[in-house]
Amino acid sequence: MSLKLRVQRASAMALTLLTVGAVLAPGGARADCMTDFSAIREDMQTKGKALEAAGKRKAPPQELCPLFRAYTASEAKLAKYLSDNKEWCQIPDQAIQQSQEANKKSAALRDKVCAAAANGAAAGGGKPPPQGSMSSALGVNTGYAAGGTPGTGGVFDTLRGNVLGN
């Protein structure tokens, strides 16, 4: 399931369940629950959209890691809000459990992305090694000398006569 779809489903489910709970709550609590929840949800959606945009343009893990951290922190804040205000906002246990499970999955994905970012940074970003480094380390002439005349000796020089006769 794509990240965008997960964000939309989690937000819609939490909003629906919070709305149902708010309808059953006394008048003043309904407004406060919805106001607080909406602010947290908007923050989570904003961070989710930034993460989705980076994923669409195939951003490197070094760029995705901070975005994932921000998103999972926002998602954890929502899960904590639902858990802390369960009684006051009359939030069903199922909504809290689903929010916490979604956060665990996002955190696991975040850990993988950040591990890939750390490995990529430690390896120098995956740049190829300099050409000729192995042959120069072994002292083997590859047949091409920079600035020299090609074909004047080397491992692959078989164009100057009979190999068996030399």
Protein backbone atom coordinates (compact mmCIF):
# COMPACT_ATOMS: atom_id res chain seq x y z
CA MET A 1 0.00 0.00 0.00
CA SER A 2 1.42 3.37 -0.97
CA LEU A 3 2.32 5.96 1.61
CA LYS A 4 -0.23 8.41 0.21
CA LEU A 5 -3.01 5.87 0.51
CA ARG A 6 -1.97 4.98 4.07
CA VAL A 7 -1.94 8.66 5.07
CA GLN A 8 -5.35 9.25 3.54
CA ARG A 9 -6.88 6.15 5.11
CA ALA A 10 -5.43 6.86 8.55
CA SER A 11 -6.60 10.47 8.45
CA ALA A 12 -10.07 9.59 7.19
CA MET A 13 -10.50 6.77 9.69
CA ALA A 14 -9.30 8.87 12.61
CA LEU A 15 -11.45 11.83 11.57
CA THR A 16 -14.52 9.62 11.21
CA LEU A 17 -14.03 7.93 14.55
CA LEU A 18 -13.26 11.22 16.27
CA THR A 19 -16.36 12.78 14.74
CA VAL A 20 -18.51 9.89 15.96
CA GLY A 21 -16.98 10.25 19.41
CA ALA A 22 -17.41 14.01 19.36
CA VAL A 23 -21.10 13.74 18.51
CA LEU A 24 -21.61 11.71 21.66
CA ALA A 25 -19.53 14.08 23.81
CA PRO A 26 -20.85 17.19 25.56
CA GLY A 27 -20.93 20.41 23.50
CA GLY A 28 -17.72 22.13 24.68
CA ALA A 29 -15.58 19.02 24.43
CA ARG A 30 -16.64 18.40 20.84
CA ALA A 31 -15.27 21.68 19.57
CA ASP A 32 -12.00 21.36 21.47
CA CYS A 33 -11.44 17.77 20.34
CA MET A 34 -12.08 18.62 16.71
CA THR A 35 -9.91 21.74 16.82
CA ASP A 36 -6.95 19.96 18.36
CA PHE A 37 -7.34 16.87 16.20
CA SER A 38 -7.67 18.92 12.99
CA ALA A 39 -4.45 20.81 13.71
CA ILE A 40 -2.51 17.59 14.36
CA ARG A 41 -4.02 15.91 11.31
CA GLU A 42 -3.20 18.86 9.03
CA ASP A 43 0.40 18.80 10.24
CA MET A 44 0.61 15.07 9.54
CA GLN A 45 -0.91 15.50 6.06
CA THR A 46 1.48 18.33 5.19
CA LYS A 47 4.47 16.21 6.15
CA GLY A 48 2.98 13.22 4.35
CA LYS A 49 2.58 15.23 1.14
CA ALA A 50 6.20 16.42 1.34
CA LEU A 51 7.32 12.82 1.80
CA GLU A 52 5.14 11.65 -1.07
CA ALA A 53 6.51 14.34 -3.39
CA ALA A 54 10.08 13.32 -2.55
CA GLY A 55 9.20 9.68 -3.18
CA LYS A 56 7.67 10.49 -6.58
CA ARG A 57 10.80 12.26 -7.74
CA LYS A 58 12.86 9.32 -6.43
CA ALA A 59 14.84 11.35 -3.93
CA PRO A 60 17.89 9.66 -2.38
CA PRO A 61 17.60 8.09 1.08
CA GLN A 62 19.68 10.93 2.55
CA GLU A 63 16.85 13.32 1.64
CA LEU A 64 14.02 10.93 2.54
CA CYS A 65 15.26 10.12 6.05
CA PRO A 66 14.54 13.55 7.62
CA LEU A 67 11.15 13.64 5.89
CA PHE A 68 10.30 10.19 7.27
CA ARG A 69 11.41 11.27 10.73
CA ALA A 70 9.17 14.33 10.61
CA TYR A 71 6.22 12.29 9.32
CA THR A 72 6.53 9.50 11.88
CA ALA A 73 6.91 12.07 14.68
CA SER A 74 3.70 13.73 13.52
CA GLU A 75 1.96 10.36 13.25
CA ALA A 76 3.14 9.44 16.77
CA LYS A 77 1.79 12.77 18.03
CA LEU A 78 -1.61 11.91 16.56
CA ALA A 79 -1.56 8.43 18.12
CA LYS A 80 -0.61 9.95 21.48
CA TYR A 81 -3.37 12.54 21.23
CA LEU A 82 -5.95 9.85 20.49
CA SER A 83 -4.70 7.73 23.39
CA ASP A 84 -4.45 10.60 25.89
CA ASN A 85 -7.88 12.02 25.02
CA LYS A 86 -9.73 8.74 24.69
CA GLU A 87 -12.23 9.46 27.46
CA TRP A 88 -12.61 13.19 26.91
CA CYS A 89 -13.20 12.88 23.14
CA GLN A 90 -14.81 9.42 23.41
CA ILE A 91 -12.43 7.82 20.93
CA PRO A 92 -12.98 4.10 20.28
CA ASP A 93 -10.21 1.65 21.21
CA GLN A 94 -10.09 0.44 17.60
CA ALA A 95 -9.11 3.90 16.34
CA ILE A 96 -6.31 4.16 18.87
CA GLN A 97 -5.03 0.67 18.06
CA GLN A 98 -5.09 1.29 14.30
CA SER A 99 -3.29 4.60 14.72
CA GLN A 100 -0.57 2.99 16.84
CA GLU A 101 -0.15 0.10 14.37
CA ALA A 102 0.13 2.51 11.45
CA ASN A 103 2.79 4.44 13.36
CA LYS A 104 4.76 1.24 14.06
CA LYS A 105 4.74 0.35 10.34
CA SER A 106 5.83 3.87 9.39
CA ALA A 107 8.58 3.77 12.01
CA ALA A 108 9.86 0.44 10.65
CA LEU A 109 9.95 1.89 7.13
CA ARG A 110 11.65 5.03 8.47
CA ASP A 111 14.33 2.89 10.13
CA LYS A 112 15.02 1.08 6.85
CA VAL A 113 15.23 4.32 4.86
CA CYS A 114 17.49 5.97 7.44
CA ALA A 115 19.72 2.87 7.57
CA ALA A 116 20.05 3.03 3.78
CA ALA A 117 20.86 6.73 4.05
CA ALA A 118 23.54 6.03 6.66
CA ASN A 119 25.05 3.23 4.56
CA GLY A 120 25.02 5.41 1.46
CA ALA A 121 26.72 8.28 3.26
CA ALA A 122 29.37 5.99 4.79
CA ALA A 123 30.10 4.42 1.42
CA GLY A 124 30.65 7.79 -0.20
CA GLY A 125 27.30 7.92 -1.92
CA GLY A 126 27.90 4.89 -4.10
CA LYS A 127 30.40 6.54 -6.44
CA PRO A 128 32.30 4.17 -8.71
CA PRO A 129 35.95 3.51 -7.89
CA PRO A 130 38.59 5.29 -9.95
CA GLN A 131 39.36 3.50 -13.20
CA GLY A 132 42.52 1.42 -13.31
CA SER A 133 42.92 1.30 -9.57
CA MET A 134 43.18 -2.49 -9.39
CA SER A 135 45.62 -2.85 -12.28
CA SER A 136 47.81 -0.05 -11.00
CA ALA A 137 47.79 -1.58 -7.51
CA LEU A 138 48.93 -4.91 -8.95
CA GLY A 139 51.47 -3.29 -11.25
CA VAL A 140 49.89 -4.76 -14.39
CA ASN A 141 50.12 -2.86 -17.64
CA THR A 142 46.73 -2.92 -19.37
CA GLY A 143 48.10 -2.03 -22.78
CA TYR A 144 47.18 1.60 -22.70
CA ALA A 145 49.55 4.13 -21.31
CA ALA A 146 48.26 7.66 -20.94
CA GLY A 147 50.17 9.81 -23.39
CA GLY A 148 51.99 6.78 -24.80
CA THR A 149 51.60 4.94 -28.05
CA PRO A 150 48.88 2.30 -27.94
CA GLY A 151 49.99 -1.21 -28.78
CA THR A 152 53.54 -0.94 -27.44
CA GLY A 153 53.42 -3.85 -25.04
CA GLY A 154 51.09 -4.94 -22.36
CA VAL A 155 48.80 -7.77 -21.51
CA PHE A 156 46.72 -7.66 -24.69
CA ASP A 157 49.46 -6.91 -27.21
CA THR A 158 49.14 -9.77 -29.70
CA LEU A 159 49.02 -7.65 -32.83
CA ARG A 160 52.80 -7.50 -33.43
CA GLY A 161 53.47 -10.97 -34.61
CA ASN A 162 53.25 -14.57 -33.59
CA VAL A 163 52.68 -14.92 -29.86
CA LEU A 164 54.30 -18.35 -29.80
CA GLY A 165 57.30 -17.14 -31.74
CA ASN A 166 58.27 -14.38 -29.33
